Amino acid sequence: MTVTLRPMIFDDYAPALALWKRTEGIGLNDSDSEQGIRTFLERNPGLSAVALNQAGALVGAVLCGHDSRRGYLHHLAVDRAHRNQGIARKLLAWCLERLAAERIHKCNIFLFASNTAGAAFWEHAGFVARDDLRILQKVIG
């Protein structure tokens, strides 16, 4: 299958959200609201991507951004019917190339500990688990 990658735009929100909701291992919360994703895309223009099939339907999506020191990937997902065709690898390469162009030298991901399939993908892609770090979080407001 041939897919086309392009930058994610806000008009992709509804189909991307639907994909994320039906993808195992993806956790959504208040940050993934329409306004949250609009702000993320505006703050990180051209870094996030979608994959479209030949009919123009969204079959993959990833959020990508940075804080000027580290890159971050969120919600990399490919529709179940389109997996094992290299789409996730293409989306990852898209993001890493654009982060490198912004002089970002390291990229982080957040992964649920129970997401073994996701861990296998990320480790195969060269990501390394860090046992020396813990993530702590506080809800503000």
C-alpha atoms as a PDB file:
ATOM      1  CA  MET A   1       0.000   0.000   0.000  1.00  0.00           C
ATOM      2  CA  THR A   2       1.185   3.469  -0.837  1.00  0.00           C
ATOM      3  CA  VAL A   3       0.723   6.124   1.815  1.00  0.00           C
ATOM      4  CA  THR A   4       1.420   9.814   1.701  1.00  0.00           C
ATOM      5  CA  LEU A   5       2.824  11.649   4.702  1.00  0.00           C
ATOM      6  CA  ARG A   6       2.148  15.286   5.341  1.00  0.00           C
ATOM      7  CA  PRO A   7       2.220  17.657   8.301  1.00  0.00           C
ATOM      8  CA  MET A   8      -0.696  17.246  10.673  1.00  0.00           C
ATOM      9  CA  ILE A   9      -3.080  20.198  10.605  1.00  0.00           C
ATOM     10  CA  PHE A  10      -5.898  20.939  12.985  1.00  0.00           C
ATOM     11  CA  ASP A  11      -8.471  19.661  10.474  1.00  0.00           C
ATOM     12  CA  ASP A  12      -6.942  16.203  11.102  1.00  0.00           C
ATOM     13  CA  TYR A  13      -8.027  16.328  14.739  1.00  0.00           C
ATOM     14  CA  ALA A  14     -11.281  14.343  14.459  1.00  0.00           C
ATOM     15  CA  PRO A  15      -9.910  11.413  12.406  1.00  0.00           C
ATOM     16  CA  ALA A  16      -6.684  11.344  14.445  1.00  0.00           C
ATOM     17  CA  LEU A  17      -8.638  11.317  17.703  1.00  0.00           C
ATOM     18  CA  ALA A  18     -10.815   8.485  16.398  1.00  0.00           C
ATOM     19  CA  LEU A  19      -7.658   6.520  15.482  1.00  0.00           C
ATOM     20  CA  TRP A  20      -6.085   7.135  18.890  1.00  0.00           C
ATOM     21  CA  LYS A  21      -9.276   6.075  20.676  1.00  0.00           C
ATOM     22  CA  ARG A  22      -9.366   2.725  18.895  1.00  0.00           C
ATOM     23  CA  THR A  23      -5.640   2.026  19.253  1.00  0.00           C
ATOM     24  CA  GLU A  24      -4.552  -0.130  22.153  1.00  0.00           C
ATOM     25  CA  GLY A  25      -1.806   1.377  24.305  1.00  0.00           C
ATOM     26  CA  ILE A  26      -2.779   4.998  23.583  1.00  0.00           C
ATOM     27  CA  GLY A  27      -3.861   6.964  26.643  1.00  0.00           C
ATOM     28  CA  LEU A  28      -5.896  10.086  26.093  1.00  0.00           C
ATOM     29  CA  ASN A  29      -6.679  12.780  28.634  1.00  0.00           C
ATOM     30  CA  ASP A  30      -7.646  16.450  28.939  1.00  0.00           C
ATOM     31  CA  SER A  31      -4.468  17.479  27.106  1.00  0.00           C
ATOM     32  CA  ASP A  32      -5.872  15.861  23.978  1.00  0.00           C
ATOM     33  CA  SER A  33      -8.858  18.213  23.736  1.00  0.00           C
ATOM     34  CA  GLU A  34      -9.443  20.184  20.559  1.00  0.00           C
ATOM     35  CA  GLN A  35      -7.822  23.253  22.103  1.00  0.00           C
ATOM     36  CA  GLY A  36      -4.937  21.220  23.526  1.00  0.00           C
ATOM     37  CA  ILE A  37      -4.068  19.711  20.155  1.00  0.00           C
ATOM     38  CA  ARG A  38      -4.577  23.028  18.342  1.00  0.00           C
ATOM     39  CA  THR A  39      -2.110  24.696  20.723  1.00  0.00           C
ATOM     40  CA  PHE A  40       0.369  21.823  20.384  1.00  0.00           C
ATOM     41  CA  LEU A  41       0.294  22.003  16.581  1.00  0.00           C
ATOM     42  CA  GLU A  42       0.653  25.799  16.595  1.00  0.00           C
ATOM     43  CA  ARG A  43       3.588  25.604  19.013  1.00  0.00           C
ATOM     44  CA  ASN A  44       5.314  22.882  16.956  1.00  0.00           C
ATOM     45  CA  PRO A  45       4.489  23.697  13.314  1.00  0.00           C
ATOM     46  CA  GLY A  46       5.297  21.037  10.736  1.00  0.00           C
ATOM     47  CA  LEU A  47       6.630  18.479  13.221  1.00  0.00           C
ATOM     48  CA  SER A  48       3.567  16.252  13.694  1.00  0.00           C
ATOM     49  CA  ALA A  49       2.474  14.064  10.785  1.00  0.00           C
ATOM     50  CA  VAL A  50      -0.345  12.019   9.356  1.00  0.00           C
ATOM     51  CA  ALA A  51      -0.299   9.128   6.905  1.00  0.00           C
ATOM     52  CA  LEU A  52      -3.029   9.067   4.257  1.00  0.00           C
ATOM     53  CA  ASN A  53      -3.987   6.104   2.091  1.00  0.00           C
ATOM     54  CA  GLN A  54      -4.615   6.413  -1.633  1.00  0.00           C
ATOM     55  CA  ALA A  55      -8.230   7.413  -0.968  1.00  0.00           C
ATOM     56  CA  GLY A  56      -7.055  10.238   1.313  1.00  0.00           C
ATOM     57  CA  ALA A  57      -8.210   8.586   4.540  1.00  0.00           C
ATOM     58  CA  LEU A  58      -6.077   9.049   7.625  1.00  0.00           C
ATOM     59  CA  VAL A  59      -4.452   5.700   8.514  1.00  0.00           C
ATOM     60  CA  GLY A  60      -1.645   6.920  10.803  1.00  0.00           C
ATOM     61  CA  ALA A  61      -0.793   9.862  13.021  1.00  0.00           C
ATOM     62  CA  VAL A  62       1.853  11.073  15.418  1.00  0.00           C
ATOM     63  CA  LEU A  63       2.301  14.178  17.534  1.00  0.00           C
ATOM     64  CA  CYS A  64       5.841  15.550  17.623  1.00  0.00           C
ATOM     65  CA  GLY A  65       7.221  18.564  19.433  1.00  0.00           C
ATOM     66  CA  HIS A  66      10.146  19.837  21.441  1.00  0.00           C
ATOM     67  CA  ASP A  67      11.018  22.118  24.327  1.00  0.00           C
ATOM     68  CA  SER A  68      14.215  23.390  22.598  1.00  0.00           C
ATOM     69  CA  ARG A  69      16.289  20.714  24.383  1.00  0.00           C
ATOM     70  CA  ARG A  70      14.506  17.407  23.829  1.00  0.00           C
ATOM     71  CA  GLY A  71      12.012  16.123  21.317  1.00  0.00           C
ATOM     72  CA  TYR A  72       8.849  14.340  22.380  1.00  0.00           C
ATOM     73  CA  LEU A  73       6.616  11.961  20.484  1.00  0.00           C
ATOM     74  CA  HIS A  74       3.021  11.291  21.491  1.00  0.00           C
ATOM     75  CA  HIS A  75       0.309   8.979  20.209  1.00  0.00           C
ATOM     76  CA  LEU A  76       2.085   7.280  17.315  1.00  0.00           C
ATOM     77  CA  ALA A  77      -0.678   5.072  15.906  1.00  0.00           C
ATOM     78  CA  VAL A  78      -1.436   3.199  12.706  1.00  0.00           C
ATOM     79  CA  ASP A  79      -4.846   1.787  11.897  1.00  0.00           C
ATOM     80  CA  ARG A  80      -4.895  -1.959  12.610  1.00  0.00           C
ATOM     81  CA  ALA A  81      -5.751  -2.818   8.982  1.00  0.00           C
ATOM     82  CA  HIS A  82      -2.661  -0.939   7.771  1.00  0.00           C
ATOM     83  CA  ARG A  83      -0.031  -2.220  10.197  1.00  0.00           C
ATOM     84  CA  ASN A  84       3.151  -4.097   9.308  1.00  0.00           C
ATOM     85  CA  GLN A  85       3.626  -2.028   6.156  1.00  0.00           C
ATOM     86  CA  GLY A  86       6.281   0.367   7.480  1.00  0.00           C
ATOM     87  CA  ILE A  87       3.895   3.259   8.100  1.00  0.00           C
ATOM     88  CA  ALA A  88       4.911   3.704  11.744  1.00  0.00           C
ATOM     89  CA  ARG A  89       8.586   3.690  10.750  1.00  0.00           C
ATOM     90  CA  LYS A  90       7.882   6.343   8.108  1.00  0.00           C
ATOM     91  CA  LEU A  91       6.047   8.529  10.618  1.00  0.00           C
ATOM     92  CA  LEU A  92       8.917   8.127  13.090  1.00  0.00           C
ATOM     93  CA  ALA A  93      11.515   8.997  10.446  1.00  0.00           C
ATOM     94  CA  TRP A  94       9.463  12.087   9.495  1.00  0.00           C
ATOM     95  CA  CYS A  95       9.546  13.315  13.085  1.00  0.00           C
ATOM     96  CA  LEU A  96      13.205  12.551  13.747  1.00  0.00           C
ATOM     97  CA  GLU A  97      14.304  14.290  10.527  1.00  0.00           C
ATOM     98  CA  ARG A  98      12.392  17.424  11.467  1.00  0.00           C
ATOM     99  CA  LEU A  99      13.667  17.397  15.038  1.00  0.00           C
ATOM    100  CA  ALA A 100      17.233  17.075  13.724  1.00  0.00           C
ATOM    101  CA  ALA A 101      16.610  20.048  11.424  1.00  0.00           C
ATOM    102  CA  GLU A 102      15.636  22.023  14.547  1.00  0.00           C
ATOM    103  CA  ARG A 103      18.943  20.938  16.182  1.00  0.00           C
ATOM    104  CA  ILE A 104      17.224  18.647  18.654  1.00  0.00           C
ATOM    105  CA  HIS A 105      19.584  15.759  19.392  1.00  0.00           C
ATOM    106  CA  LYS A 106      17.512  13.515  21.658  1.00  0.00           C
ATOM    107  CA  CYS A 107      13.900  12.405  21.523  1.00  0.00           C
ATOM    108  CA  ASN A 108      11.773  10.998  24.351  1.00  0.00           C
ATOM    109  CA  ILE A 109       8.591   9.000  24.365  1.00  0.00           C
ATOM    110  CA  PHE A 110       6.171   8.102  27.127  1.00  0.00           C
ATOM    111  CA  LEU A 111       4.916   4.536  27.111  1.00  0.00           C
ATOM    112  CA  PHE A 112       2.579   2.676  29.420  1.00  0.00           C
ATOM    113  CA  ALA A 113       4.522  -0.061  31.225  1.00  0.00           C
ATOM    114  CA  SER A 114       1.898  -2.588  30.095  1.00  0.00           C
ATOM    115  CA  ASN A 115       2.291  -1.728  26.385  1.00  0.00           C
ATOM    116  CA  THR A 116       4.591  -4.591  25.390  1.00  0.00           C
ATOM    117  CA  ALA A 117       3.825  -4.307  21.659  1.00  0.00           C
ATOM    118  CA  GLY A 118       4.672  -0.604  21.754  1.00  0.00           C
ATOM    119  CA  ALA A 119       7.869  -1.288  23.695  1.00  0.00           C
ATOM    120  CA  ALA A 120       8.948  -3.834  21.079  1.00  0.00           C
ATOM    121  CA  PHE A 121       8.401  -1.281  18.289  1.00  0.00           C
ATOM    122  CA  TRP A 122      10.318   1.475  20.067  1.00  0.00           C
ATOM    123  CA  GLU A 123      13.219  -0.774  21.054  1.00  0.00           C
ATOM    124  CA  HIS A 124      13.452  -2.077  17.489  1.00  0.00           C
ATOM    125  CA  ALA A 125      13.577   1.563  16.348  1.00  0.00           C
ATOM    126  CA  GLY A 126      16.603   2.179  18.600  1.00  0.00           C
ATOM    127  CA  PHE A 127      14.950   3.703  21.657  1.00  0.00           C
ATOM    128  CA  VAL A 128      16.412   2.572  24.969  1.00  0.00           C
ATOM    129  CA  ALA A 129      14.529   2.248  28.244  1.00  0.00           C
ATOM    130  CA  ARG A 130      16.063   4.279  31.055  1.00  0.00           C
ATOM    131  CA  ASP A 131      15.845   2.558  34.407  1.00  0.00           C
ATOM    132  CA  ASP A 132      17.454   5.507  36.178  1.00  0.00           C
ATOM    133  CA  LEU A 133      14.474   7.852  35.637  1.00  0.00           C
ATOM    134  CA  ARG A 134      10.939   7.981  36.939  1.00  0.00           C
ATOM    135  CA  ILE A 135       8.181  10.169  35.663  1.00  0.00           C
ATOM    136  CA  LEU A 136       6.308  12.158  38.275  1.00  0.00           C
ATOM    137  CA  GLN A 137       3.302  14.247  37.386  1.00  0.00           C
ATOM    138  CA  LYS A 138       1.087  16.803  39.057  1.00  0.00           C
ATOM    139  CA  VAL A 139      -2.231  18.000  37.757  1.00  0.00           C
ATOM    140  CA  ILE A 140      -2.357  21.804  37.772  1.00  0.00           C
ATOM    141  CA  GLY A 141      -5.655  23.554  38.367  1.00  0.00           C
END
